[in-house]
């Protein structure tokens, strides 16, 4: 499994400039990372590993397929590996587009090794958070899947602050039936109080929502 620390973390470097690519690889391997290098975005798409890299360092301007296009093809900030861009020019539209697609940083050549290593550390930290969120979402979705449709509806209504009798009116049923559904749902979810239910459903909504631009 990919790791988020220097020891064991696996990075991909994609740059069509052989000399600069070697410099990047030397810097990253010297810091303890495992590094795979690719001469073009199309080369990366042909040979990308499974599981995916923990983070990618991408040149922006490459033939056939740009770094921005590769980032988009990999899912951008929604499921793809965290990306750090490197570019020979401080192109503002490119940098804005990169960040909107979820890039961790946009470094303009030449830059200091410390800047690159700092960006990689932040990318790995983000990747670790994203994996933790994905696991948490899967666990919560599995828990909610154990509820009946009516139990889920009752949970949503009472978590919004409706009283049992108000939820019953909304659902066209009795207050006692709502109480039964609520009790069964909370037992299945392993919850002991209404605040716990509210927190669980709010967290589920957060995890289901697309991440804002970073």
C-alpha atoms as a PDB file:
ATOM      1  CA  UNK A   1       0.000   0.000   0.000  1.00  0.00           C
ATOM      2  CA  UNK A   2       1.313   3.488  -0.807  1.00  0.00           C
ATOM      3  CA  UNK A   3       2.805   5.274   2.145  1.00  0.00           C
ATOM      4  CA  UNK A   4       2.836   8.970   2.928  1.00  0.00           C
ATOM      5  CA  UNK A   5       6.312   9.215   4.431  1.00  0.00           C
ATOM      6  CA  UNK A   6       9.570   9.500   2.538  1.00  0.00           C
ATOM      7  CA  UNK A   7      10.511   5.900   3.277  1.00  0.00           C
ATOM      8  CA  UNK A   8       8.519   3.747   0.883  1.00  0.00           C
ATOM      9  CA  UNK A   9       6.522   6.486  -0.821  1.00  0.00           C
ATOM     10  CA  UNK A  10       6.473   6.097  -4.602  1.00  0.00           C
ATOM     11  CA  UNK A  11       6.547   9.122  -6.874  1.00  0.00           C
ATOM     12  CA  UNK A  12       6.204   9.593 -10.605  1.00  0.00           C
ATOM     13  CA  UNK A  13       8.213  12.238 -12.489  1.00  0.00           C
ATOM     14  CA  UNK A  14       7.018  13.188 -15.974  1.00  0.00           C
ATOM     15  CA  UNK A  15       9.218  15.627 -17.924  1.00  0.00           C
ATOM     16  CA  UNK A  16      10.385  15.614 -21.536  1.00  0.00           C
ATOM     17  CA  UNK A  17      13.690  17.307 -20.692  1.00  0.00           C
ATOM     18  CA  UNK A  18      16.088  14.402 -19.902  1.00  0.00           C
ATOM     19  CA  UNK A  19      18.639  16.520 -18.015  1.00  0.00           C
ATOM     20  CA  UNK A  20      16.048  18.231 -15.828  1.00  0.00           C
ATOM     21  CA  UNK A  21      14.224  14.940 -15.276  1.00  0.00           C
ATOM     22  CA  UNK A  22      17.430  13.367 -14.007  1.00  0.00           C
ATOM     23  CA  UNK A  23      17.897  16.325 -11.650  1.00  0.00           C
ATOM     24  CA  UNK A  24      14.399  15.856 -10.245  1.00  0.00           C
ATOM     25  CA  UNK A  25      14.891  12.119  -9.822  1.00  0.00           C
ATOM     26  CA  UNK A  26      18.248  12.588  -8.090  1.00  0.00           C
ATOM     27  CA  UNK A  27      16.739  15.095  -5.665  1.00  0.00           C
ATOM     28  CA  UNK A  28      13.803  12.880  -4.799  1.00  0.00           C
ATOM     29  CA  UNK A  29      15.684   9.605  -4.509  1.00  0.00           C
ATOM     30  CA  UNK A  30      18.264  11.392  -2.360  1.00  0.00           C
ATOM     31  CA  UNK A  31      15.407  12.307  -0.006  1.00  0.00           C
ATOM     32  CA  UNK A  32      14.412   8.666   0.340  1.00  0.00           C
ATOM     33  CA  UNK A  33      11.591   8.367  -2.177  1.00  0.00           C
ATOM     34  CA  UNK A  34      11.131   5.634  -4.762  1.00  0.00           C
ATOM     35  CA  UNK A  35      10.842   7.342  -8.134  1.00  0.00           C
ATOM     36  CA  UNK A  36       9.630   6.232 -11.561  1.00  0.00           C
ATOM     37  CA  UNK A  37      10.488   8.534 -14.463  1.00  0.00           C
ATOM     38  CA  UNK A  38       8.606   9.094 -17.706  1.00  0.00           C
ATOM     39  CA  UNK A  39       9.634  11.080 -20.782  1.00  0.00           C
ATOM     40  CA  UNK A  40       6.117  12.155 -21.765  1.00  0.00           C
ATOM     41  CA  UNK A  41       2.538  12.202 -20.517  1.00  0.00           C
ATOM     42  CA  UNK A  42       1.627   9.563 -23.095  1.00  0.00           C
ATOM     43  CA  UNK A  43       4.481   7.404 -21.784  1.00  0.00           C
ATOM     44  CA  UNK A  44       3.041   7.720 -18.293  1.00  0.00           C
ATOM     45  CA  UNK A  45      -0.434   6.663 -19.421  1.00  0.00           C
ATOM     46  CA  UNK A  46       1.048   3.567 -21.080  1.00  0.00           C
ATOM     47  CA  UNK A  47       3.115   2.512 -18.079  1.00  0.00           C
ATOM     48  CA  UNK A  48       1.404   3.926 -14.976  1.00  0.00           C
ATOM     49  CA  UNK A  49       1.511   1.491 -12.074  1.00  0.00           C
ATOM     50  CA  UNK A  50      -1.230  -0.147 -10.049  1.00  0.00           C
ATOM     51  CA  UNK A  51      -1.710   0.963  -7.310  1.00  0.00           C
ATOM     52  CA  UNK A  52      -1.099   4.524  -8.513  1.00  0.00           C
ATOM     53  CA  UNK A  53       1.796   6.717  -7.419  1.00  0.00           C
ATOM     54  CA  UNK A  54       1.515   8.510  -4.095  1.00  0.00           C
ATOM     55  CA  UNK A  55       2.212  11.806  -5.916  1.00  0.00           C
ATOM     56  CA  UNK A  56       3.270  13.064  -9.336  1.00  0.00           C
ATOM     57  CA  UNK A  57       5.699  15.767 -10.435  1.00  0.00           C
ATOM     58  CA  UNK A  58       4.584  16.913 -13.895  1.00  0.00           C
ATOM     59  CA  UNK A  59       6.087  19.269 -16.431  1.00  0.00           C
ATOM     60  CA  UNK A  60       3.405  21.552 -17.847  1.00  0.00           C
ATOM     61  CA  UNK A  61       4.525  21.906 -21.462  1.00  0.00           C
ATOM     62  CA  UNK A  62       5.083  18.522 -23.100  1.00  0.00           C
ATOM     63  CA  UNK A  63       4.465  17.306 -26.661  1.00  0.00           C
ATOM     64  CA  UNK A  64       1.276  15.429 -27.603  1.00  0.00           C
ATOM     65  CA  UNK A  65      -0.265  15.712 -24.139  1.00  0.00           C
ATOM     66  CA  UNK A  66       0.410  18.507 -21.650  1.00  0.00           C
ATOM     67  CA  UNK A  67       0.794  18.108 -17.929  1.00  0.00           C
ATOM     68  CA  UNK A  68      -2.568  19.806 -17.408  1.00  0.00           C
ATOM     69  CA  UNK A  69      -4.226  17.359 -19.797  1.00  0.00           C
ATOM     70  CA  UNK A  70      -2.590  14.434 -18.007  1.00  0.00           C
ATOM     71  CA  UNK A  71      -3.794  15.764 -14.657  1.00  0.00           C
ATOM     72  CA  UNK A  72      -7.341  15.965 -16.014  1.00  0.00           C
ATOM     73  CA  UNK A  73      -7.107  12.462 -17.496  1.00  0.00           C
ATOM     74  CA  UNK A  74      -6.114  11.094 -14.087  1.00  0.00           C
ATOM     75  CA  UNK A  75      -9.081  12.670 -12.346  1.00  0.00           C
ATOM     76  CA  UNK A  76      -7.630  16.020 -11.322  1.00  0.00           C
ATOM     77  CA  UNK A  77      -8.314  16.656  -7.653  1.00  0.00           C
ATOM     78  CA  UNK A  78     -11.042  14.016  -7.507  1.00  0.00           C
ATOM     79  CA  UNK A  79      -9.416  10.648  -7.041  1.00  0.00           C
ATOM     80  CA  UNK A  80      -6.162  11.076  -8.959  1.00  0.00           C
ATOM     81  CA  UNK A  81      -2.710  11.209  -7.348  1.00  0.00           C
ATOM     82  CA  UNK A  82      -1.752  14.594  -5.864  1.00  0.00           C
ATOM     83  CA  UNK A  83       0.120  16.632  -8.488  1.00  0.00           C
ATOM     84  CA  UNK A  84       2.983  19.122  -8.322  1.00  0.00           C
ATOM     85  CA  UNK A  85       3.594  21.059 -11.525  1.00  0.00           C
ATOM     86  CA  UNK A  86       6.951  22.350 -12.723  1.00  0.00           C
ATOM     87  CA  UNK A  87       7.199  24.879 -15.540  1.00  0.00           C
ATOM     88  CA  UNK A  88       9.812  26.916 -17.336  1.00  0.00           C
ATOM     89  CA  UNK A  89       7.593  30.001 -17.319  1.00  0.00           C
ATOM     90  CA  UNK A  90       5.451  31.756 -14.736  1.00  0.00           C
ATOM     91  CA  UNK A  91       2.323  31.408 -16.864  1.00  0.00           C
ATOM     92  CA  UNK A  92      -0.533  32.748 -14.750  1.00  0.00           C
ATOM     93  CA  UNK A  93      -3.411  31.121 -16.703  1.00  0.00           C
ATOM     94  CA  UNK A  94      -1.641  27.764 -16.570  1.00  0.00           C
ATOM     95  CA  UNK A  95      -0.964  28.041 -12.855  1.00  0.00           C
ATOM     96  CA  UNK A  96      -4.562  29.058 -12.150  1.00  0.00           C
ATOM     97  CA  UNK A  97      -5.873  26.135 -14.213  1.00  0.00           C
ATOM     98  CA  UNK A  98      -3.528  23.743 -12.413  1.00  0.00           C
ATOM     99  CA  UNK A  99      -4.621  24.857  -8.960  1.00  0.00           C
ATOM    100  CA  UNK A 100      -8.294  24.760  -9.913  1.00  0.00           C
ATOM    101  CA  UNK A 101      -7.817  21.156 -10.982  1.00  0.00           C
ATOM    102  CA  UNK A 102      -6.409  20.370  -7.547  1.00  0.00           C
ATOM    103  CA  UNK A 103      -2.639  20.729  -7.973  1.00  0.00           C
ATOM    104  CA  UNK A 104      -0.677  20.970  -4.728  1.00  0.00           C
ATOM    105  CA  UNK A 105       1.826  23.493  -6.098  1.00  0.00           C
ATOM    106  CA  UNK A 106       3.112  25.133  -9.279  1.00  0.00           C
ATOM    107  CA  UNK A 107       6.898  25.563  -9.239  1.00  0.00           C
ATOM    108  CA  UNK A 108       8.686  27.727 -11.792  1.00  0.00           C
ATOM    109  CA  UNK A 109      12.118  26.577 -12.970  1.00  0.00           C
ATOM    110  CA  UNK A 110      14.683  27.033 -11.588  1.00  0.00           C
ATOM    111  CA  UNK A 111      13.555  26.367  -8.037  1.00  0.00           C
ATOM    112  CA  UNK A 112      15.290  25.240  -4.866  1.00  0.00           C
ATOM    113  CA  UNK A 113      15.364  21.579  -3.873  1.00  0.00           C
ATOM    114  CA  UNK A 114      13.774  22.574  -0.575  1.00  0.00           C
ATOM    115  CA  UNK A 115      10.772  23.978  -2.438  1.00  0.00           C
ATOM    116  CA  UNK A 116      10.287  20.706  -4.308  1.00  0.00           C
ATOM    117  CA  UNK A 117      10.658  18.554  -1.194  1.00  0.00           C
ATOM    118  CA  UNK A 118       8.236  20.756   0.724  1.00  0.00           C
ATOM    119  CA  UNK A 119       5.676  20.463  -2.078  1.00  0.00           C
ATOM    120  CA  UNK A 120       6.102  16.685  -2.180  1.00  0.00           C
ATOM    121  CA  UNK A 121       5.613  16.422   1.578  1.00  0.00           C
ATOM    122  CA  UNK A 122       2.384  18.411   1.300  1.00  0.00           C
ATOM    123  CA  UNK A 123       1.233  16.265  -1.628  1.00  0.00           C
ATOM    124  CA  UNK A 124       1.820  13.074   0.325  1.00  0.00           C
ATOM    125  CA  UNK A 125      -0.014  14.471   3.342  1.00  0.00           C
ATOM    126  CA  UNK A 126      -2.963  15.366   1.122  1.00  0.00           C
ATOM    127  CA  UNK A 127      -2.921  11.924  -0.451  1.00  0.00           C
ATOM    128  CA  UNK A 128      -2.989  10.297   2.969  1.00  0.00           C
ATOM    129  CA  UNK A 129      -5.977  12.438   3.985  1.00  0.00           C
ATOM    130  CA  UNK A 130      -7.786  11.633   0.748  1.00  0.00           C
ATOM    131  CA  UNK A 131      -7.265   7.886   1.244  1.00  0.00           C
ATOM    132  CA  UNK A 132      -8.460   8.119   4.844  1.00  0.00           C
ATOM    133  CA  UNK A 133     -11.557  10.027   3.721  1.00  0.00           C
ATOM    134  CA  UNK A 134     -12.276   7.458   1.007  1.00  0.00           C
ATOM    135  CA  UNK A 135     -12.028   4.628   3.528  1.00  0.00           C
ATOM    136  CA  UNK A 136     -14.251   6.459   6.004  1.00  0.00           C
ATOM    137  CA  UNK A 137     -16.832   7.146   3.291  1.00  0.00           C
ATOM    138  CA  UNK A 138     -16.877   3.481   2.276  1.00  0.00           C
ATOM    139  CA  UNK A 139     -17.408   2.446   5.900  1.00  0.00           C
ATOM    140  CA  UNK A 140     -20.227   4.947   6.440  1.00  0.00           C
ATOM    141  CA  UNK A 141     -21.892   4.008   3.158  1.00  0.00           C
ATOM    142  CA  UNK A 142     -21.756   0.345   4.189  1.00  0.00           C
ATOM    143  CA  UNK A 143     -23.361   1.167   7.531  1.00  0.00           C
ATOM    144  CA  UNK A 144     -26.138   3.190   5.886  1.00  0.00           C
ATOM    145  CA  UNK A 145     -26.736   0.390   3.371  1.00  0.00           C
ATOM    146  CA  UNK A 146     -27.847  -1.776   6.296  1.00  0.00           C
ATOM    147  CA  UNK A 147     -30.842   0.483   6.925  1.00  0.00           C
ATOM    148  CA  UNK A 148     -34.215   0.205   5.249  1.00  0.00           C
ATOM    149  CA  UNK A 149     -35.385   3.068   3.045  1.00  0.00           C
ATOM    150  CA  UNK A 150     -37.834   4.208   5.708  1.00  0.00           C
ATOM    151  CA  UNK A 151     -35.155   4.072   8.437  1.00  0.00           C
ATOM    152  CA  UNK A 152     -32.874   6.262   6.318  1.00  0.00           C
ATOM    153  CA  UNK A 153     -35.697   8.748   5.719  1.00  0.00           C
ATOM    154  CA  UNK A 154     -36.478   8.925   9.429  1.00  0.00           C
ATOM    155  CA  UNK A 155     -32.803   9.488  10.245  1.00  0.00           C
ATOM    156  CA  UNK A 156     -32.571  12.334   7.736  1.00  0.00           C
ATOM    157  CA  UNK A 157     -35.675  14.049   9.085  1.00  0.00           C
ATOM    158  CA  UNK A 158     -34.849  13.812  12.781  1.00  0.00           C
ATOM    159  CA  UNK A 159     -31.247  14.847  12.115  1.00  0.00           C
ATOM    160  CA  UNK A 160     -32.632  18.023  10.547  1.00  0.00           C
ATOM    161  CA  UNK A 161     -34.281  18.892  13.852  1.00  0.00           C
ATOM    162  CA  UNK A 162     -37.789  17.574  13.240  1.00  0.00           C
ATOM    163  CA  UNK A 163     -39.651  16.151  16.217  1.00  0.00           C
ATOM    164  CA  UNK A 164     -40.952  12.603  15.944  1.00  0.00           C
ATOM    165  CA  UNK A 165     -44.485  13.840  15.338  1.00  0.00           C
ATOM    166  CA  UNK A 166     -43.251  16.241  12.635  1.00  0.00           C
ATOM    167  CA  UNK A 167     -41.313  13.456  10.922  1.00  0.00           C
ATOM    168  CA  UNK A 168     -44.400  11.258  11.141  1.00  0.00           C
ATOM    169  CA  UNK A 169     -46.507  13.936   9.458  1.00  0.00           C
ATOM    170  CA  UNK A 170     -43.918  14.368   6.702  1.00  0.00           C
ATOM    171  CA  UNK A 171     -43.872  10.621   6.059  1.00  0.00           C
ATOM    172  CA  UNK A 172     -47.602  10.059   6.450  1.00  0.00           C
ATOM    173  CA  UNK A 173     -47.213   7.635   9.333  1.00  0.00           C
ATOM    174  CA  UNK A 174     -47.574   7.570  13.106  1.00  0.00           C
ATOM    175  CA  UNK A 175     -45.278   8.997  15.735  1.00  0.00           C
ATOM    176  CA  UNK A 176     -44.848   5.548  17.263  1.00  0.00           C
ATOM    177  CA  UNK A 177     -43.748   4.115  13.906  1.00  0.00           C
ATOM    178  CA  UNK A 178     -41.154   6.873  13.566  1.00  0.00           C
ATOM    179  CA  UNK A 179     -39.842   6.050  17.038  1.00  0.00           C
ATOM    180  CA  UNK A 180     -39.520   2.383  16.083  1.00  0.00           C
ATOM    181  CA  UNK A 181     -37.638   3.196  12.853  1.00  0.00           C
ATOM    182  CA  UNK A 182     -35.374   5.638  14.662  1.00  0.00           C
ATOM    183  CA  UNK A 183     -34.554   3.145  17.406  1.00  0.00           C
ATOM    184  CA  UNK A 184     -33.788   0.345  14.954  1.00  0.00           C
ATOM    185  CA  UNK A 185     -31.666   2.604  12.771  1.00  0.00           C
ATOM    186  CA  UNK A 186     -29.571   3.831  15.675  1.00  0.00           C
ATOM    187  CA  UNK A 187     -29.063   0.261  16.898  1.00  0.00           C
ATOM    188  CA  UNK A 188     -27.860  -0.806  13.444  1.00  0.00           C
ATOM    189  CA  UNK A 189     -25.514   2.179  13.272  1.00  0.00           C
ATOM    190  CA  UNK A 190     -24.189   1.584  16.779  1.00  0.00           C
ATOM    191  CA  UNK A 191     -25.281   5.023  17.982  1.00  0.00           C
ATOM    192  CA  UNK A 192     -26.565   5.927  21.420  1.00  0.00           C
ATOM    193  CA  UNK A 193     -27.800   9.507  21.005  1.00  0.00           C
ATOM    194  CA  UNK A 194     -29.372  11.911  18.528  1.00  0.00           C
ATOM    195  CA  UNK A 195     -26.265  14.156  18.479  1.00  0.00           C
ATOM    196  CA  UNK A 196     -24.243  11.102  17.366  1.00  0.00           C
ATOM    197  CA  UNK A 197     -26.687  10.561  14.515  1.00  0.00           C
ATOM    198  CA  UNK A 198     -26.533  14.204  13.471  1.00  0.00           C
ATOM    199  CA  UNK A 199     -22.718  14.115  13.445  1.00  0.00           C
ATOM    200  CA  UNK A 200     -22.661  10.879  11.419  1.00  0.00           C
ATOM    201  CA  UNK A 201     -25.010  12.198   8.735  1.00  0.00           C
ATOM    202  CA  UNK A 202     -23.237  15.545   8.547  1.00  0.00           C
ATOM    203  CA  UNK A 203     -19.910  13.771   8.107  1.00  0.00           C
ATOM    204  CA  UNK A 204     -21.433  11.589   5.405  1.00  0.00           C
ATOM    205  CA  UNK A 205     -22.650  14.683   3.563  1.00  0.00           C
ATOM    206  CA  UNK A 206     -19.199  16.241   3.803  1.00  0.00           C
ATOM    207  CA  UNK A 207     -17.495  13.158   2.400  1.00  0.00           C
ATOM    208  CA  UNK A 208     -19.995  12.839  -0.428  1.00  0.00           C
ATOM    209  CA  UNK A 209     -19.569  16.466  -1.499  1.00  0.00           C
ATOM    210  CA  UNK A 210     -16.942  17.225  -4.163  1.00  0.00           C
ATOM    211  CA  UNK A 211     -13.877  18.894  -2.658  1.00  0.00           C
ATOM    212  CA  UNK A 212     -13.662  22.676  -3.129  1.00  0.00           C
ATOM    213  CA  UNK A 213     -10.825  24.126  -5.236  1.00  0.00           C
ATOM    214  CA  UNK A 214      -7.611  23.985  -3.169  1.00  0.00           C
END
